[in-house]
Amino acid sequence: MPLTIFSEAFHVSKVHLNSLFREKGLPLHQIETIHITGSEVLDQLQIIYTCKPLGLDIVSPKVLKLVAQSIYKPLTELFKYITQKWSPF
């Protein structure tokens, strides 16, 4: 399977994450305690600093801010799914 820019940038092994969490004194189950609401996602999208350059995803902060009302619900569901289902351990 070919790697994308995103997967190359965020590829981290489980062993590395385990050691990083232990080094920082963080519990390994910490991701399970994250709760995200739609209003939080919308708030963050609306206060994006639009003068920043493009990120690794090649999406302009100006575009994110302009379409915030349209994308905050799907983004919220994506973030919830990631924090509830995905575990690096």
PDB file of N, CA and C in Angstrom:
ATOM      1  N   MET A   1       0.847  -1.180   0.000  1.00  0.00           N
ATOM      2  CA  MET A   1       0.000   0.000   0.000  1.00  0.00           C
ATOM      3  C   MET A   1       0.889   1.239   0.000  1.00  0.00           C
ATOM      4  N   PRO A   2       0.730   2.139  -0.985  1.00  0.00           N
ATOM      5  CA  PRO A   2       1.578   3.330  -1.027  1.00  0.00           C
ATOM      6  C   PRO A   2       1.218   4.297   0.100  1.00  0.00           C
ATOM      7  N   LEU A   3       2.221   4.951   0.617  1.00  0.00           N
ATOM      8  CA  LEU A   3       2.004   5.921   1.682  1.00  0.00           C
ATOM      9  C   LEU A   3       1.655   7.275   1.091  1.00  0.00           C
ATOM     10  N   THR A   4       0.744   7.978   1.720  1.00  0.00           N
ATOM     11  CA  THR A   4       0.420   9.333   1.309  1.00  0.00           C
ATOM     12  C   THR A   4       1.254  10.297   2.134  1.00  0.00           C
ATOM     13  N   ILE A   5       1.193  11.569   1.770  1.00  0.00           N
ATOM     14  CA  ILE A   5       1.903  12.587   2.554  1.00  0.00           C
ATOM     15  C   ILE A   5       1.427  12.531   3.999  1.00  0.00           C
ATOM     16  N   PHE A   6       0.108  12.385   4.181  1.00  0.00           N
ATOM     17  CA  PHE A   6      -0.454  12.357   5.530  1.00  0.00           C
ATOM     18  C   PHE A   6       0.080  11.166   6.320  1.00  0.00           C
ATOM     19  N   SER A   7       0.019   9.975   5.734  1.00  0.00           N
ATOM     20  CA  SER A   7       0.441   8.791   6.483  1.00  0.00           C
ATOM     21  C   SER A   7       1.937   8.801   6.751  1.00  0.00           C
ATOM     22  N   GLU A   8       2.725   9.351   5.832  1.00  0.00           N
ATOM     23  CA  GLU A   8       4.164   9.452   6.074  1.00  0.00           C
ATOM     24  C   GLU A   8       4.448  10.403   7.233  1.00  0.00           C
ATOM     25  N   ALA A   9       3.718  11.496   7.294  1.00  0.00           N
ATOM     26  CA  ALA A   9       3.951  12.498   8.332  1.00  0.00           C
ATOM     27  C   ALA A   9       3.524  12.007   9.708  1.00  0.00           C
ATOM     28  N   PHE A  10       2.511  11.142   9.762  1.00  0.00           N
ATOM     29  CA  PHE A  10       1.967  10.723  11.042  1.00  0.00           C
ATOM     30  C   PHE A  10       2.208   9.261  11.372  1.00  0.00           C
ATOM     31  N   HIS A  11       3.097   8.604  10.631  1.00  0.00           N
ATOM     32  CA  HIS A  11       3.407   7.206  10.907  1.00  0.00           C
ATOM     33  C   HIS A  11       4.257   7.120  12.171  1.00  0.00           C
ATOM     34  N   VAL A  12       3.706   6.516  13.192  1.00  0.00           N
ATOM     35  CA  VAL A  12       4.404   6.345  14.463  1.00  0.00           C
ATOM     36  C   VAL A  12       4.149   4.923  14.936  1.00  0.00           C
ATOM     37  N   SER A  13       5.186   4.252  15.341  1.00  0.00           N
ATOM     38  CA  SER A  13       5.010   2.870  15.780  1.00  0.00           C
ATOM     39  C   SER A  13       4.389   2.819  17.178  1.00  0.00           C
ATOM     40  N   LYS A  14       3.728   1.700  17.473  1.00  0.00           N
ATOM     41  CA  LYS A  14       3.134   1.504  18.790  1.00  0.00           C
ATOM     42  C   LYS A  14       4.199   1.527  19.876  1.00  0.00           C
ATOM     43  N   VAL A  15       5.355   0.950  19.578  1.00  0.00           N
ATOM     44  CA  VAL A  15       6.443   0.919  20.557  1.00  0.00           C
ATOM     45  C   VAL A  15       6.885   2.340  20.885  1.00  0.00           C
ATOM     46  N   HIS A  16       6.998   3.175  19.859  1.00  0.00           N
ATOM     47  CA  HIS A  16       7.412   4.564  20.080  1.00  0.00           C
ATOM     48  C   HIS A  16       6.376   5.307  20.913  1.00  0.00           C
ATOM     49  N   LEU A  17       5.085   5.112  20.615  1.00  0.00           N
ATOM     50  CA  LEU A  17       4.037   5.789  21.387  1.00  0.00           C
ATOM     51  C   LEU A  17       4.037   5.326  22.843  1.00  0.00           C
ATOM     52  N   ASN A  18       4.173   4.039  23.051  1.00  0.00           N
ATOM     53  CA  ASN A  18       4.218   3.524  24.423  1.00  0.00           C
ATOM     54  C   ASN A  18       5.360   4.159  25.213  1.00  0.00           C
ATOM     55  N   SER A  19       6.546   4.208  24.610  1.00  0.00           N
ATOM     56  CA  SER A  19       7.693   4.776  25.319  1.00  0.00           C
ATOM     57  C   SER A  19       7.531   6.273  25.520  1.00  0.00           C
ATOM     58  N   LEU A  20       6.937   6.957  24.536  1.00  0.00           N
ATOM     59  CA  LEU A  20       6.711   8.393  24.664  1.00  0.00           C
ATOM     60  C   LEU A  20       5.742   8.689  25.804  1.00  0.00           C
ATOM     61  N   PHE A  21       4.654   7.937  25.886  1.00  0.00           N
ATOM     62  CA  PHE A  21       3.682   8.135  26.962  1.00  0.00           C
ATOM     63  C   PHE A  21       4.323   7.864  28.326  1.00  0.00           C
ATOM     64  N   ARG A  22       5.079   6.787  28.424  1.00  0.00           N
ATOM     65  CA  ARG A  22       5.738   6.469  29.696  1.00  0.00           C
ATOM     66  C   ARG A  22       6.740   7.552  30.083  1.00  0.00           C
ATOM     67  N   GLU A  23       7.495   8.028  29.106  1.00  0.00           N
ATOM     68  CA  GLU A  23       8.500   9.070  29.344  1.00  0.00           C
ATOM     69  C   GLU A  23       7.858  10.350  29.886  1.00  0.00           C
ATOM     70  N   LYS A  24       6.674  10.683  29.361  1.00  0.00           N
ATOM     71  CA  LYS A  24       5.968  11.893  29.788  1.00  0.00           C
ATOM     72  C   LYS A  24       5.102  11.658  31.019  1.00  0.00           C
ATOM     73  N   GLY A  25       5.032  10.414  31.477  1.00  0.00           N
ATOM     74  CA  GLY A  25       4.221  10.094  32.649  1.00  0.00           C
ATOM     75  C   GLY A  25       2.728  10.098  32.366  1.00  0.00           C
ATOM     76  N   LEU A  26       2.342   9.881  31.109  1.00  0.00           N
ATOM     77  CA  LEU A  26       0.933   9.890  30.731  1.00  0.00           C
ATOM     78  C   LEU A  26       0.378   8.474  30.769  1.00  0.00           C
ATOM     79  N   PRO A  27      -0.866   8.321  31.207  1.00  0.00           N
ATOM     80  CA  PRO A  27      -1.467   6.985  31.194  1.00  0.00           C
ATOM     81  C   PRO A  27      -1.717   6.540  29.754  1.00  0.00           C
ATOM     82  N   LEU A  28      -1.537   5.259  29.484  1.00  0.00           N
ATOM     83  CA  LEU A  28      -1.692   4.746  28.137  1.00  0.00           C
ATOM     84  C   LEU A  28      -3.141   4.805  27.655  1.00  0.00           C
ATOM     85  N   HIS A  29      -4.096   4.877  28.538  1.00  0.00           N
ATOM     86  CA  HIS A  29      -5.504   4.913  28.163  1.00  0.00           C
ATOM     87  C   HIS A  29      -6.046   6.338  28.034  1.00  0.00           C
ATOM     88  N   GLN A  30      -5.183   7.328  28.028  1.00  0.00           N
ATOM     89  CA  GLN A  30      -5.614   8.726  28.054  1.00  0.00           C
ATOM     90  C   GLN A  30      -6.540   9.086  26.895  1.00  0.00           C
ATOM     91  N   ILE A  31      -6.348   8.515  25.727  1.00  0.00           N
ATOM     92  CA  ILE A  31      -7.182   8.862  24.583  1.00  0.00           C
ATOM     93  C   ILE A  31      -8.650   8.530  24.823  1.00  0.00           C
ATOM     94  N   GLU A  32      -8.931   7.590  25.695  1.00  0.00           N
ATOM     95  CA  GLU A  32     -10.304   7.207  25.990  1.00  0.00           C
ATOM     96  C   GLU A  32     -11.052   8.271  26.779  1.00  0.00           C
ATOM     97  N   THR A  33     -10.358   9.240  27.353  1.00  0.00           N
ATOM     98  CA  THR A  33     -11.001  10.249  28.178  1.00  0.00           C
ATOM     99  C   THR A  33     -11.332  11.525  27.419  1.00  0.00           C
ATOM    100  N   ILE A  34     -11.114  11.536  26.123  1.00  0.00           N
ATOM    101  CA  ILE A  34     -11.373  12.732  25.327  1.00  0.00           C
ATOM    102  C   ILE A  34     -12.839  12.752  24.902  1.00  0.00           C
ATOM    103  N   HIS A  35     -13.514  13.867  25.157  1.00  0.00           N
ATOM    104  CA  HIS A  35     -14.901  14.057  24.744  1.00  0.00           C
ATOM    105  C   HIS A  35     -14.957  15.316  23.883  1.00  0.00           C
ATOM    106  N   ILE A  36     -15.524  15.177  22.703  1.00  0.00           N
ATOM    107  CA  ILE A  36     -15.564  16.278  21.748  1.00  0.00           C
ATOM    108  C   ILE A  36     -17.010  16.583  21.395  1.00  0.00           C
ATOM    109  N   THR A  37     -17.367  17.860  21.436  1.00  0.00           N
ATOM    110  CA  THR A  37     -18.720  18.268  21.060  1.00  0.00           C
ATOM    111  C   THR A  37     -18.680  19.070  19.765  1.00  0.00           C
ATOM    112  N   GLY A  38     -19.814  19.107  19.094  1.00  0.00           N
ATOM    113  CA  GLY A  38     -19.925  19.878  17.860  1.00  0.00           C
ATOM    114  C   GLY A  38     -19.658  21.351  18.072  1.00  0.00           C
ATOM    115  N   SER A  39     -20.124  21.873  19.198  1.00  0.00           N
ATOM    116  CA  SER A  39     -19.907  23.303  19.454  1.00  0.00           C
ATOM    117  C   SER A  39     -18.424  23.611  19.649  1.00  0.00           C
ATOM    118  N   GLU A  40     -17.673  22.684  20.242  1.00  0.00           N
ATOM    119  CA  GLU A  40     -16.231  22.885  20.398  1.00  0.00           C
ATOM    120  C   GLU A  40     -15.523  22.893  19.047  1.00  0.00           C
ATOM    121  N   VAL A  41     -15.912  21.974  18.185  1.00  0.00           N
ATOM    122  CA  VAL A  41     -15.302  21.908  16.854  1.00  0.00           C
ATOM    123  C   VAL A  41     -15.638  23.172  16.074  1.00  0.00           C
ATOM    124  N   LEU A  42     -16.906  23.581  16.099  1.00  0.00           N
ATOM    125  CA  LEU A  42     -17.326  24.799  15.395  1.00  0.00           C
ATOM    126  C   LEU A  42     -16.597  26.025  15.938  1.00  0.00           C
ATOM    127  N   ASP A  43     -16.495  26.127  17.242  1.00  0.00           N
ATOM    128  CA  ASP A  43     -15.770  27.255  17.847  1.00  0.00           C
ATOM    129  C   ASP A  43     -14.326  27.325  17.355  1.00  0.00           C
ATOM    130  N   GLN A  44     -13.661  26.181  17.306  1.00  0.00           N
ATOM    131  CA  GLN A  44     -12.260  26.154  16.864  1.00  0.00           C
ATOM    132  C   GLN A  44     -12.139  26.506  15.386  1.00  0.00           C
ATOM    133  N   LEU A  45     -13.074  26.042  14.586  1.00  0.00           N
ATOM    134  CA  LEU A  45     -13.046  26.376  13.154  1.00  0.00           C
ATOM    135  C   LEU A  45     -13.272  27.870  12.939  1.00  0.00           C
ATOM    136  N   GLN A  46     -14.117  28.478  13.766  1.00  0.00           N
ATOM    137  CA  GLN A  46     -14.439  29.888  13.596  1.00  0.00           C
ATOM    138  C   GLN A  46     -13.332  30.826  14.082  1.00  0.00           C
ATOM    139  N   ILE A  47     -12.428  30.322  14.915  1.00  0.00           N
ATOM    140  CA  ILE A  47     -11.345  31.196  15.404  1.00  0.00           C
ATOM    141  C   ILE A  47      -9.996  30.866  14.777  1.00  0.00           C
ATOM    142  N   ILE A  48     -10.033  30.091  13.696  1.00  0.00           N
ATOM    143  CA  ILE A  48      -8.777  29.761  13.008  1.00  0.00           C
ATOM    144  C   ILE A  48      -8.106  31.037  12.534  1.00  0.00           C
ATOM    145  N   TYR A  49      -6.816  31.106  12.758  1.00  0.00           N
ATOM    146  CA  TYR A  49      -6.013  32.225  12.291  1.00  0.00           C
ATOM    147  C   TYR A  49      -5.785  32.017  10.799  1.00  0.00           C
ATOM    148  N   THR A  50      -6.412  32.824   9.967  1.00  0.00           N
ATOM    149  CA  THR A  50      -6.427  32.593   8.522  1.00  0.00           C
ATOM    150  C   THR A  50      -5.157  33.003   7.796  1.00  0.00           C
ATOM    151  N   CYS A  51      -4.236  33.628   8.462  1.00  0.00           N
ATOM    152  CA  CYS A  51      -2.986  34.031   7.808  1.00  0.00           C
ATOM    153  C   CYS A  51      -1.924  32.934   7.852  1.00  0.00           C
ATOM    154  N   LYS A  52      -2.262  31.807   8.470  1.00  0.00           N
ATOM    155  CA  LYS A  52      -1.314  30.691   8.533  1.00  0.00           C
ATOM    156  C   LYS A  52      -1.168  30.058   7.149  1.00  0.00           C
ATOM    157  N   PRO A  53      -0.013  29.448   6.886  1.00  0.00           N
ATOM    158  CA  PRO A  53       0.154  28.744   5.607  1.00  0.00           C
ATOM    159  C   PRO A  53      -0.614  27.423   5.612  1.00  0.00           C
ATOM    160  N   LEU A  54      -0.686  26.795   4.456  1.00  0.00           N
ATOM    161  CA  LEU A  54      -1.338  25.493   4.330  1.00  0.00           C
ATOM    162  C   LEU A  54      -0.641  24.477   5.220  1.00  0.00           C
ATOM    163  N   GLY A  55      -1.407  23.524   5.727  1.00  0.00           N
ATOM    164  CA  GLY A  55      -0.830  22.449   6.518  1.00  0.00           C
ATOM    165  C   GLY A  55      -0.487  21.268   5.638  1.00  0.00           C
ATOM    166  N   LEU A  56      -0.172  20.140   6.260  1.00  0.00           N
ATOM    167  CA  LEU A  56       0.150  18.917   5.516  1.00  0.00           C
ATOM    168  C   LEU A  56      -1.021  18.429   4.680  1.00  0.00           C
ATOM    169  N   ASP A  57      -2.235  18.777   5.081  1.00  0.00           N
ATOM    170  CA  ASP A  57      -3.420  18.347   4.343  1.00  0.00           C
ATOM    171  C   ASP A  57      -3.710  19.230   3.135  1.00  0.00           C
ATOM    172  N   ILE A  58      -2.943  20.288   2.971  1.00  0.00           N
ATOM    173  CA  ILE A  58      -3.050  21.223   1.854  1.00  0.00           C
ATOM    174  C   ILE A  58      -4.430  21.891   1.816  1.00  0.00           C
ATOM    175  N   VAL A  59      -4.993  22.152   2.986  1.00  0.00           N
ATOM    176  CA  VAL A  59      -6.266  22.857   3.087  1.00  0.00           C
ATOM    177  C   VAL A  59      -5.993  24.223   3.703  1.00  0.00           C
ATOM    178  N   SER A  60      -6.465  25.244   3.048  1.00  0.00           N
ATOM    179  CA  SER A  60      -6.258  26.608   3.516  1.00  0.00           C
ATOM    180  C   SER A  60      -7.068  26.883   4.781  1.00  0.00           C
ATOM    181  N   PRO A  61      -6.469  27.522   5.780  1.00  0.00           N
ATOM    182  CA  PRO A  61      -7.228  27.905   6.967  1.00  0.00           C
ATOM    183  C   PRO A  61      -8.403  28.824   6.618  1.00  0.00           C
ATOM    184  N   LYS A  62      -8.258  29.628   5.570  1.00  0.00           N
ATOM    185  CA  LYS A  62      -9.358  30.515   5.145  1.00  0.00           C
ATOM    186  C   LYS A  62     -10.554  29.690   4.681  1.00  0.00           C
ATOM    187  N   VAL A  63     -10.280  28.626   3.939  1.00  0.00           N
ATOM    188  CA  VAL A  63     -11.358  27.760   3.458  1.00  0.00           C
ATOM    189  C   VAL A  63     -12.041  27.081   4.636  1.00  0.00           C
ATOM    190  N   LEU A  64     -11.266  26.569   5.585  1.00  0.00           N
ATOM    191  CA  LEU A  64     -11.854  25.920   6.761  1.00  0.00           C
ATOM    192  C   LEU A  64     -12.777  26.866   7.510  1.00  0.00           C
ATOM    193  N   LYS A  65     -12.340  28.097   7.650  1.00  0.00           N
ATOM    194  CA  LYS A  65     -13.150  29.080   8.372  1.00  0.00           C
ATOM    195  C   LYS A  65     -14.429  29.409   7.593  1.00  0.00           C
ATOM    196  N   LEU A  66     -14.314  29.529   6.279  1.00  0.00           N
ATOM    197  CA  LEU A  66     -15.474  29.856   5.446  1.00  0.00           C
ATOM    198  C   LEU A  66     -16.529  28.746   5.440  1.00  0.00           C
ATOM    199  N   VAL A  67     -16.113  27.511   5.495  1.00  0.00           N
ATOM    200  CA  VAL A  67     -17.054  26.386   5.414  1.00  0.00           C
ATOM    201  C   VAL A  67     -17.318  25.745   6.783  1.00  0.00           C
ATOM    202  N   ALA A  68     -16.964  26.421   7.837  1.00  0.00           N
ATOM    203  CA  ALA A  68     -17.090  25.873   9.194  1.00  0.00           C
ATOM    204  C   ALA A  68     -18.495  25.347   9.490  1.00  0.00           C
ATOM    205  N   GLN A  69     -19.520  26.101   9.119  1.00  0.00           N
ATOM    206  CA  GLN A  69     -20.905  25.680   9.396  1.00  0.00           C
ATOM    207  C   GLN A  69     -21.263  24.382   8.674  1.00  0.00           C
ATOM    208  N   SER A  70     -20.648  24.139   7.541  1.00  0.00           N
ATOM    209  CA  SER A  70     -20.965  22.950   6.747  1.00  0.00           C
ATOM    210  C   SER A  70     -20.180  21.709   7.167  1.00  0.00           C
ATOM    211  N   ILE A  71     -18.993  21.913   7.726  1.00  0.00           N
ATOM    212  CA  ILE A  71     -18.135  20.749   7.998  1.00  0.00           C
ATOM    213  C   ILE A  71     -17.992  20.383   9.470  1.00  0.00           C
ATOM    214  N   TYR A  72     -18.499  21.204  10.363  1.00  0.00           N
ATOM    215  CA  TYR A  72     -18.245  20.899  11.777  1.00  0.00           C
ATOM    216  C   TYR A  72     -18.908  19.612  12.244  1.00  0.00           C
ATOM    217  N   LYS A  73     -20.091  19.282  11.731  1.00  0.00           N
ATOM    218  CA  LYS A  73     -20.761  18.039  12.168  1.00  0.00           C
ATOM    219  C   LYS A  73     -20.008  16.793  11.697  1.00  0.00           C
ATOM    220  N   PRO A  74     -19.648  16.694  10.399  1.00  0.00           N
ATOM    221  CA  PRO A  74     -18.880  15.511   9.994  1.00  0.00           C
ATOM    222  C   PRO A  74     -17.516  15.432  10.674  1.00  0.00           C
ATOM    223  N   LEU A  75     -16.871  16.577  10.884  1.00  0.00           N
ATOM    224  CA  LEU A  75     -15.579  16.563  11.582  1.00  0.00           C
ATOM    225  C   LEU A  75     -15.734  16.091  13.019  1.00  0.00           C
ATOM    226  N   THR A  76     -16.799  16.529  13.667  1.00  0.00           N
ATOM    227  CA  THR A  76     -17.057  16.094  15.046  1.00  0.00           C
ATOM    228  C   THR A  76     -17.217  14.580  15.097  1.00  0.00           C
ATOM    229  N   GLU A  77     -17.991  14.027  14.173  1.00  0.00           N
ATOM    230  CA  GLU A  77     -18.188  12.575  14.135  1.00  0.00           C
ATOM    231  C   GLU A  77     -16.872  11.857  13.862  1.00  0.00           C
ATOM    232  N   LEU A  78     -16.059  12.398  12.975  1.00  0.00           N
ATOM    233  CA  LEU A  78     -14.756  11.803  12.693  1.00  0.00           C
ATOM    234  C   LEU A  78     -13.869  11.819  13.932  1.00  0.00           C
ATOM    235  N   PHE A  79     -13.806  12.956  14.617  1.00  0.00           N
ATOM    236  CA  PHE A  79     -12.985  13.066  15.829  1.00  0.00           C
ATOM    237  C   PHE A  79     -13.484  12.112  16.909  1.00  0.00           C
ATOM    238  N   LYS A  80     -14.795  12.012  17.066  1.00  0.00           N
ATOM    239  CA  LYS A  80     -15.354  11.083  18.061  1.00  0.00           C
ATOM    240  C   LYS A  80     -14.991   9.646  17.722  1.00  0.00           C
ATOM    241  N   TYR A  81     -15.119   9.296  16.452  1.00  0.00           N
ATOM    242  CA  TYR A  81     -14.784   7.939  16.027  1.00  0.00           C
ATOM    243  C   TYR A  81     -13.324   7.626  16.320  1.00  0.00           C
ATOM    244  N   ILE A  82     -12.461   8.554  15.973  1.00  0.00           N
ATOM    245  CA  ILE A  82     -11.028   8.346  16.182  1.00  0.00           C
ATOM    246  C   ILE A  82     -10.718   8.167  17.660  1.00  0.00           C
ATOM    247  N   THR A  83     -11.283   9.000  18.510  1.00  0.00           N
ATOM    248  CA  THR A  83     -10.961   8.916  19.933  1.00  0.00           C
ATOM    249  C   THR A  83     -11.624   7.734  20.619  1.00  0.00           C
ATOM    250  N   GLN A  84     -12.740   7.239  20.086  1.00  0.00           N
ATOM    251  CA  GLN A  84     -13.424   6.113  20.717  1.00  0.00           C
ATOM    252  C   GLN A  84     -12.958   4.759  20.193  1.00  0.00           C
ATOM    253  N   LYS A  85     -12.657   4.664  18.911  1.00  0.00           N
ATOM    254  CA  LYS A  85     -12.366   3.374  18.292  1.00  0.00           C
ATOM    255  C   LYS A  85     -10.887   3.105  18.098  1.00  0.00           C
ATOM    256  N   TRP A  86     -10.126   4.128  17.843  1.00  0.00           N
ATOM    257  CA  TRP A  86      -8.724   3.948  17.530  1.00  0.00           C
ATOM    258  C   TRP A  86      -7.887   3.916  18.789  1.00  0.00           C
ATOM    259  N   SER A  87      -6.989   2.974  18.845  1.00  0.00           N
ATOM    260  CA  SER A  87      -6.069   2.895  19.971  1.00  0.00           C
ATOM    261  C   SER A  87      -4.686   2.509  19.443  1.00  0.00           C
ATOM    262  N   PRO A  88      -3.665   3.295  19.766  1.00  0.00           N
ATOM    263  CA  PRO A  88      -2.333   2.966  19.291  1.00  0.00           C
ATOM    264  C   PRO A  88      -1.685   1.853  20.107  1.00  0.00           C
ATOM    265  N   PHE A  89      -2.356   1.341  21.121  1.00  0.00           N
ATOM    266  CA  PHE A  89      -1.721   0.402  22.043  1.00  0.00           C
ATOM    267  C   PHE A  89      -2.288  -0.987  21.922  1.00  0.00           C
TER     268      PHE A  89
END
